[in-house]
Amino acid sequence: CVFDAISEHGEYLGGAIAPGIGLAAKALFDSAAMLNSVSLERPDGPIGRNSVHSMQAGIFFGYAEMVRGMVSRFSEELAGNTENATVIGTGDYINILADEVGCFDHLEANLNLDGLRLVYAANR
């Protein structure tokens, strides 16, 4: 998970990096005894009634809260500079988290790939 603050003039103001949802889930599946892989999807609620739903709840709701919390903290730190702030959600898992997080103005699942394509096209 990468969180970046960009000014209205396109200047990089800073950011934060945390393990992504896929990496964290893989670490859980690979390192915890007796826990098999589960699909990364929204469970019925935050309290799992079996191992599969418990892992899904921890991963899904834990990451939703981390993203919501980081957006909130960025907003607090940038207070006074965010009247026109836009929050863009990106990445492979953004579509499953977006509704739960509820703070995105736009979703761009392929933003990194689109950026790389533009850099490539500019340097041909």
Protein backbone atom coordinates (compact mmCIF):
# COMPACT_ATOMS: atom_id res chain seq x y z
CA CYS A 1 0.00 0.00 0.00
CA VAL A 2 1.41 3.31 -1.04
CA PHE A 3 -0.12 6.59 0.03
CA ASP A 4 1.09 9.73 -1.73
CA ALA A 5 0.28 13.39 -1.22
CA ILE A 6 0.54 15.45 -4.40
CA SER A 7 0.01 19.21 -4.48
CA GLU A 8 -2.40 20.87 -6.87
CA HIS A 9 0.70 21.85 -8.86
CA GLY A 10 1.83 18.22 -9.21
CA GLU A 11 4.56 18.43 -6.55
CA TYR A 12 5.22 15.33 -4.47
CA LEU A 13 4.65 16.34 -0.84
CA GLY A 14 5.45 12.98 0.73
CA GLY A 15 3.91 9.63 1.40
CA ALA A 16 3.68 6.43 3.39
CA ILE A 17 4.35 2.79 2.48
CA ALA A 18 2.85 -0.29 4.13
CA PRO A 19 2.63 -3.94 3.06
CA GLY A 20 -0.13 -4.38 0.50
CA ILE A 21 -3.19 -6.51 1.08
CA GLY A 22 -1.93 -9.26 -1.24
CA LEU A 23 1.50 -9.41 0.41
CA ALA A 24 0.01 -9.43 3.91
CA ALA A 25 -2.45 -12.17 2.99
CA LYS A 26 0.32 -14.26 1.43
CA ALA A 27 2.46 -13.85 4.57
CA LEU A 28 -0.47 -15.02 6.69
CA PHE A 29 -1.12 -18.05 4.49
CA ASP A 30 2.57 -18.97 4.18
CA SER A 31 3.65 -18.37 7.77
CA ALA A 32 0.73 -19.32 9.98
CA ALA A 33 0.40 -22.97 10.84
CA MET A 34 -2.72 -24.72 9.56
CA LEU A 35 -4.12 -21.70 7.66
CA ASN A 36 -4.78 -22.23 3.98
CA SER A 37 -5.25 -19.53 1.37
CA VAL A 38 -8.66 -17.87 1.15
CA SER A 39 -10.12 -15.62 -1.50
CA LEU A 40 -9.77 -11.92 -0.78
CA GLU A 41 -13.37 -10.82 -0.62
CA ARG A 42 -15.75 -9.06 1.74
CA PRO A 43 -17.13 -11.47 4.35
CA ASP A 44 -20.60 -11.07 5.87
CA GLY A 45 -19.23 -9.18 8.84
CA PRO A 46 -16.14 -8.47 10.93
CA ILE A 47 -16.65 -11.44 13.27
CA GLY A 48 -15.79 -14.64 11.43
CA ARG A 49 -17.60 -17.81 12.44
CA ASN A 50 -14.95 -20.13 10.98
CA SER A 51 -11.29 -19.91 9.96
CA VAL A 52 -11.98 -18.88 6.36
CA HIS A 53 -14.38 -16.09 7.29
CA SER A 54 -12.14 -15.00 10.18
CA MET A 55 -9.16 -14.58 7.85
CA GLN A 56 -11.30 -12.77 5.28
CA ALA A 57 -12.64 -10.46 8.00
CA GLY A 58 -9.20 -9.64 9.34
CA ILE A 59 -7.72 -9.00 5.93
CA PHE A 60 -10.66 -7.16 4.38
CA PHE A 61 -11.83 -5.01 7.28
CA GLY A 62 -8.29 -4.49 8.58
CA TYR A 63 -7.13 -3.07 5.26
CA ALA A 64 -10.31 -1.03 4.77
CA GLU A 65 -9.69 0.62 8.14
CA MET A 66 -6.01 1.18 7.40
CA VAL A 67 -6.82 2.93 4.12
CA ARG A 68 -9.61 5.01 5.67
CA GLY A 69 -7.37 5.92 8.60
CA MET A 70 -4.42 6.91 6.43
CA VAL A 71 -6.60 9.10 4.21
CA SER A 72 -7.96 10.75 7.36
CA ARG A 73 -4.46 11.29 8.78
CA PHE A 74 -3.19 12.74 5.50
CA SER A 75 -6.17 15.11 5.48
CA GLU A 76 -5.45 16.18 9.06
CA GLU A 77 -1.77 16.82 8.32
CA LEU A 78 -2.59 18.74 5.15
CA ALA A 79 -5.39 20.73 6.82
CA GLY A 80 -5.82 24.08 5.18
CA ASN A 81 -4.38 22.75 1.94
CA THR A 82 -7.09 20.27 1.05
CA GLU A 83 -10.17 22.28 0.09
CA ASN A 84 -9.98 20.74 -3.37
CA ALA A 85 -8.29 17.47 -2.40
CA THR A 86 -9.05 14.47 -4.57
CA VAL A 87 -8.59 10.93 -3.24
CA ILE A 88 -7.79 8.36 -5.92
CA GLY A 89 -7.83 4.65 -5.15
CA THR A 90 -5.50 2.48 -7.24
CA GLY A 91 -4.23 -1.08 -7.44
CA ASP A 92 -5.35 -4.65 -7.91
CA TYR A 93 -7.68 -4.88 -4.94
CA ILE A 94 -9.18 -1.40 -4.98
CA ASN A 95 -12.48 -2.56 -6.46
CA ILE A 96 -13.21 -4.93 -3.56
CA LEU A 97 -12.29 -2.32 -0.92
CA ALA A 98 -13.74 0.86 -2.45
CA ASP A 99 -17.32 0.59 -1.15
CA GLU A 100 -16.19 -0.29 2.36
CA VAL A 101 -13.57 2.45 2.53
CA GLY A 102 -15.95 5.05 1.12
CA CYS A 103 -13.47 7.93 0.77
CA PHE A 104 -12.41 7.71 -2.87
CA ASP A 105 -13.35 10.36 -5.40
CA HIS A 106 -12.05 8.24 -8.28
CA LEU A 107 -10.90 4.65 -8.82
CA GLU A 108 -8.00 3.99 -11.18
CA ALA A 109 -7.06 0.33 -10.79
CA ASN A 110 -4.40 0.57 -13.53
CA LEU A 111 -2.94 3.99 -12.69
CA ASN A 112 0.65 2.68 -12.41
CA LEU A 113 0.43 0.86 -15.74
CA ASP A 114 -1.13 3.91 -17.39
CA GLY A 115 1.71 6.05 -16.04
CA LEU A 116 4.33 3.64 -17.36
CA ARG A 117 2.63 3.66 -20.76
CA LEU A 118 2.78 7.46 -20.84
CA VAL A 119 6.46 7.48 -19.87
CA TYR A 120 7.20 4.91 -22.57
CA ALA A 121 5.27 6.90 -25.20
CA ALA A 122 7.08 10.12 -24.21
CA ASN A 123 10.48 8.48 -24.65
CA ARG A 124 9.98 6.72 -27.98
